Amino acid sequence: MIISMLVALGLIAGFVIVSERLFRLTLQTTTQSTRRQEDLIRQERALHLLRDDVWSAAATPVEVKDPATLRIGGIQWATSPDGVAVRTQRDKPGEEARWADLHLSFARQGPWIVVTRAGKEIALLRTAPSPSAAGGAK
């Protein structure tokens, strides 16, 4: 009888250990998915504003100064070494938008602006053709 009680206690202890690990894993997964979702929301907000800037730049020069800096007329997008993306406007010096931990980089390929994050392309934005490139304004 004592042996059967010890076996039963051992089985219960095993179930408790498995249950505790499963519960901890569930909490970690929930936390990680929440962080990832918040990160993607921040990224999407930044890209939405960047898309608007690029697409509205029909007669405005768009230049990529270096992989961390994009200029669209009077608007500048810059990524600091710690990964903070900052959008500033020349005519509104006090206003700036900031997104932490985005680590964006920019590249210009003809009429395209390529936005990458962690070495992966996350956006490909086409600039509007300038009137001179379209055969002149009419």
C-alpha atoms as a PDB file:
ATOM      1  CA  MET A   1       0.000   0.000   0.000  1.00  0.00           C
ATOM      2  CA  ILE A   2       2.839   2.428   0.767  1.00  0.00           C
ATOM      3  CA  ILE A   3       4.434   1.664  -2.589  1.00  0.00           C
ATOM      4  CA  SER A   4       1.175   2.436  -4.455  1.00  0.00           C
ATOM      5  CA  MET A   5       0.870   5.727  -2.507  1.00  0.00           C
ATOM      6  CA  LEU A   6       4.449   6.677  -3.461  1.00  0.00           C
ATOM      7  CA  VAL A   7       3.745   5.846  -7.123  1.00  0.00           C
ATOM      8  CA  ALA A   8       0.584   7.953  -7.032  1.00  0.00           C
ATOM      9  CA  LEU A   9       2.461  10.869  -5.418  1.00  0.00           C
ATOM     10  CA  GLY A  10       5.197  10.551  -8.064  1.00  0.00           C
ATOM     11  CA  LEU A  11       2.624  10.658 -10.864  1.00  0.00           C
ATOM     12  CA  ILE A  12       0.900  13.683  -9.330  1.00  0.00           C
ATOM     13  CA  ALA A  13       4.262  15.453  -8.955  1.00  0.00           C
ATOM     14  CA  GLY A  14       5.035  14.715 -12.627  1.00  0.00           C
ATOM     15  CA  PHE A  15       1.676  16.147 -13.729  1.00  0.00           C
ATOM     16  CA  VAL A  16       2.252  19.256 -11.598  1.00  0.00           C
ATOM     17  CA  ILE A  17       5.694  19.833 -13.151  1.00  0.00           C
ATOM     18  CA  VAL A  18       4.358  19.387 -16.693  1.00  0.00           C
ATOM     19  CA  SER A  19       1.389  21.674 -15.954  1.00  0.00           C
ATOM     20  CA  GLU A  20       3.626  24.392 -14.507  1.00  0.00           C
ATOM     21  CA  ARG A  21       5.943  24.315 -17.544  1.00  0.00           C
ATOM     22  CA  LEU A  22       3.003  24.416 -19.930  1.00  0.00           C
ATOM     23  CA  PHE A  23       1.518  27.371 -18.052  1.00  0.00           C
ATOM     24  CA  ARG A  24       4.863  29.248 -18.124  1.00  0.00           C
ATOM     25  CA  LEU A  25       5.275  28.572 -21.852  1.00  0.00           C
ATOM     26  CA  THR A  26       1.754  29.874 -22.499  1.00  0.00           C
ATOM     27  CA  LEU A  27       2.511  33.111 -20.627  1.00  0.00           C
ATOM     28  CA  GLN A  28       5.805  33.585 -22.499  1.00  0.00           C
ATOM     29  CA  THR A  29       4.112  33.021 -25.857  1.00  0.00           C
ATOM     30  CA  THR A  30       1.396  35.546 -25.027  1.00  0.00           C
ATOM     31  CA  THR A  31       3.964  38.140 -23.965  1.00  0.00           C
ATOM     32  CA  GLN A  32       6.093  37.608 -27.070  1.00  0.00           C
ATOM     33  CA  SER A  33       3.123  37.814 -29.420  1.00  0.00           C
ATOM     34  CA  THR A  34       1.956  41.035 -27.745  1.00  0.00           C
ATOM     35  CA  ARG A  35       5.430  42.583 -28.145  1.00  0.00           C
ATOM     36  CA  ARG A  36       5.607  41.499 -31.780  1.00  0.00           C
ATOM     37  CA  GLN A  37       2.156  42.923 -32.487  1.00  0.00           C
ATOM     38  CA  GLU A  38       3.098  46.281 -30.914  1.00  0.00           C
ATOM     39  CA  ASP A  39       6.315  46.299 -32.967  1.00  0.00           C
ATOM     40  CA  LEU A  40       4.399  45.652 -36.193  1.00  0.00           C
ATOM     41  CA  ILE A  41       1.887  48.397 -35.358  1.00  0.00           C
ATOM     42  CA  ARG A  42       4.745  50.895 -34.853  1.00  0.00           C
ATOM     43  CA  GLN A  43       6.328  49.772 -38.112  1.00  0.00           C
ATOM     44  CA  GLU A  44       3.069  50.103 -40.026  1.00  0.00           C
ATOM     45  CA  ARG A  45       2.412  53.610 -38.660  1.00  0.00           C
ATOM     46  CA  ALA A  46       5.875  54.738 -39.725  1.00  0.00           C
ATOM     47  CA  LEU A  47       5.562  53.150 -43.168  1.00  0.00           C
ATOM     48  CA  HIS A  48       2.120  54.674 -43.695  1.00  0.00           C
ATOM     49  CA  LEU A  49       3.534  58.156 -43.123  1.00  0.00           C
ATOM     50  CA  LEU A  50       6.606  57.379 -45.247  1.00  0.00           C
ATOM     51  CA  ARG A  51       4.357  56.165 -48.098  1.00  0.00           C
ATOM     52  CA  ASP A  52       2.376  59.396 -47.935  1.00  0.00           C
ATOM     53  CA  ASP A  53       5.591  61.435 -48.045  1.00  0.00           C
ATOM     54  CA  VAL A  54       7.057  59.525 -50.997  1.00  0.00           C
ATOM     55  CA  TRP A  55       3.856  59.426 -53.016  1.00  0.00           C
ATOM     56  CA  SER A  56       3.172  63.142 -52.540  1.00  0.00           C
ATOM     57  CA  ALA A  57       6.663  64.064 -53.749  1.00  0.00           C
ATOM     58  CA  ALA A  58       5.775  64.523 -57.439  1.00  0.00           C
ATOM     59  CA  ALA A  59       7.802  67.710 -58.022  1.00  0.00           C
ATOM     60  CA  THR A  60      10.039  67.327 -54.978  1.00  0.00           C
ATOM     61  CA  PRO A  61      13.499  65.780 -55.120  1.00  0.00           C
ATOM     62  CA  VAL A  62      13.841  62.492 -53.270  1.00  0.00           C
ATOM     63  CA  GLU A  63      17.368  61.587 -52.254  1.00  0.00           C
ATOM     64  CA  VAL A  64      18.982  58.924 -50.156  1.00  0.00           C
ATOM     65  CA  LYS A  65      21.988  60.595 -48.586  1.00  0.00           C
ATOM     66  CA  ASP A  66      23.168  57.398 -46.885  1.00  0.00           C
ATOM     67  CA  PRO A  67      21.372  54.215 -45.796  1.00  0.00           C
ATOM     68  CA  ALA A  68      20.207  55.938 -42.605  1.00  0.00           C
ATOM     69  CA  THR A  69      18.925  59.187 -44.173  1.00  0.00           C
ATOM     70  CA  LEU A  70      16.150  59.851 -46.684  1.00  0.00           C
ATOM     71  CA  ARG A  71      15.209  63.367 -47.796  1.00  0.00           C
ATOM     72  CA  ILE A  72      11.952  64.173 -49.521  1.00  0.00           C
ATOM     73  CA  GLY A  73      11.957  67.907 -50.173  1.00  0.00           C
ATOM     74  CA  GLY A  74      11.689  69.535 -46.749  1.00  0.00           C
ATOM     75  CA  ILE A  75      11.047  66.231 -44.967  1.00  0.00           C
ATOM     76  CA  GLN A  76      13.844  64.111 -43.588  1.00  0.00           C
ATOM     77  CA  TRP A  77      13.700  60.531 -42.358  1.00  0.00           C
ATOM     78  CA  ALA A  78      16.705  59.424 -40.324  1.00  0.00           C
ATOM     79  CA  THR A  79      17.576  56.340 -38.330  1.00  0.00           C
ATOM     80  CA  SER A  80      19.905  56.778 -35.365  1.00  0.00           C
ATOM     81  CA  PRO A  81      22.508  54.134 -34.451  1.00  0.00           C
ATOM     82  CA  ASP A  82      20.244  52.865 -31.668  1.00  0.00           C
ATOM     83  CA  GLY A  83      17.451  52.203 -34.207  1.00  0.00           C
ATOM     84  CA  VAL A  84      15.135  55.157 -33.549  1.00  0.00           C
ATOM     85  CA  ALA A  85      13.481  56.383 -36.754  1.00  0.00           C
ATOM     86  CA  VAL A  86      12.820  60.130 -36.751  1.00  0.00           C
ATOM     87  CA  ARG A  87      10.752  62.142 -39.233  1.00  0.00           C
ATOM     88  CA  THR A  88      11.317  65.916 -39.257  1.00  0.00           C
ATOM     89  CA  GLN A  89      10.002  68.731 -41.426  1.00  0.00           C
ATOM     90  CA  ARG A  90      12.036  71.822 -42.259  1.00  0.00           C
ATOM     91  CA  ASP A  91       9.013  74.154 -42.049  1.00  0.00           C
ATOM     92  CA  LYS A  92       7.898  72.679 -38.680  1.00  0.00           C
ATOM     93  CA  PRO A  93      11.115  72.390 -36.642  1.00  0.00           C
ATOM     94  CA  GLY A  94       9.392  71.639 -33.316  1.00  0.00           C
ATOM     95  CA  GLU A  95       7.368  68.758 -34.696  1.00  0.00           C
ATOM     96  CA  GLU A  96       8.935  65.389 -35.148  1.00  0.00           C
ATOM     97  CA  ALA A  97       7.674  61.849 -35.152  1.00  0.00           C
ATOM     98  CA  ARG A  98       9.733  59.102 -33.496  1.00  0.00           C
ATOM     99  CA  TRP A  99       9.522  55.320 -33.605  1.00  0.00           C
ATOM    100  CA  ALA A 100      11.805  53.304 -31.334  1.00  0.00           C
ATOM    101  CA  ASP A 101      13.641  50.140 -32.379  1.00  0.00           C
ATOM    102  CA  LEU A 102      12.746  50.211 -36.063  1.00  0.00           C
ATOM    103  CA  HIS A 103      16.320  50.103 -37.444  1.00  0.00           C
ATOM    104  CA  LEU A 104      15.215  51.232 -40.920  1.00  0.00           C
ATOM    105  CA  SER A 105      17.609  51.725 -43.811  1.00  0.00           C
ATOM    106  CA  PHE A 106      16.895  53.328 -47.165  1.00  0.00           C
ATOM    107  CA  ALA A 107      18.155  52.806 -50.708  1.00  0.00           C
ATOM    108  CA  ARG A 108      17.257  54.502 -53.983  1.00  0.00           C
ATOM    109  CA  GLN A 109      16.938  52.394 -57.118  1.00  0.00           C
ATOM    110  CA  GLY A 110      15.732  54.596 -59.948  1.00  0.00           C
ATOM    111  CA  PRO A 111      12.183  55.706 -59.133  1.00  0.00           C
ATOM    112  CA  TRP A 112      12.007  53.217 -56.252  1.00  0.00           C
ATOM    113  CA  ILE A 113      12.730  53.735 -52.572  1.00  0.00           C
ATOM    114  CA  VAL A 114      13.648  50.449 -50.901  1.00  0.00           C
ATOM    115  CA  VAL A 115      13.106  50.318 -47.127  1.00  0.00           C
ATOM    116  CA  THR A 116      14.793  47.505 -45.235  1.00  0.00           C
ATOM    117  CA  ARG A 117      14.740  46.399 -41.630  1.00  0.00           C
ATOM    118  CA  ALA A 118      17.150  43.846 -40.189  1.00  0.00           C
ATOM    119  CA  GLY A 119      18.386  43.075 -43.704  1.00  0.00           C
ATOM    120  CA  LYS A 120      14.900  42.270 -45.014  1.00  0.00           C
ATOM    121  CA  GLU A 121      12.999  44.409 -47.484  1.00  0.00           C
ATOM    122  CA  ILE A 122       9.803  45.633 -45.840  1.00  0.00           C
ATOM    123  CA  ALA A 123       8.650  48.250 -48.344  1.00  0.00           C
ATOM    124  CA  LEU A 124       9.196  49.172 -51.959  1.00  0.00           C
ATOM    125  CA  LEU A 125       7.845  52.648 -52.647  1.00  0.00           C
ATOM    126  CA  ARG A 126       7.633  54.194 -56.099  1.00  0.00           C
ATOM    127  CA  THR A 127       8.109  57.917 -56.399  1.00  0.00           C
ATOM    128  CA  ALA A 128       5.841  59.862 -58.710  1.00  0.00           C
ATOM    129  CA  PRO A 129       7.475  60.659 -62.047  1.00  0.00           C
ATOM    130  CA  SER A 130       8.651  64.237 -62.355  1.00  0.00           C
ATOM    131  CA  PRO A 131       7.119  66.361 -65.148  1.00  0.00           C
ATOM    132  CA  SER A 132      10.459  66.437 -67.005  1.00  0.00           C
ATOM    133  CA  ALA A 133      10.699  62.637 -66.911  1.00  0.00           C
ATOM    134  CA  ALA A 134       7.145  62.316 -68.213  1.00  0.00           C
ATOM    135  CA  GLY A 135       7.881  64.426 -71.304  1.00  0.00           C
ATOM    136  CA  GLY A 136       7.195  67.850 -69.806  1.00  0.00           C
ATOM    137  CA  ALA A 137       4.249  69.380 -68.025  1.00  0.00           C
ATOM    138  CA  LYS A 138       1.182  70.281 -70.025  1.00  0.00           C
END
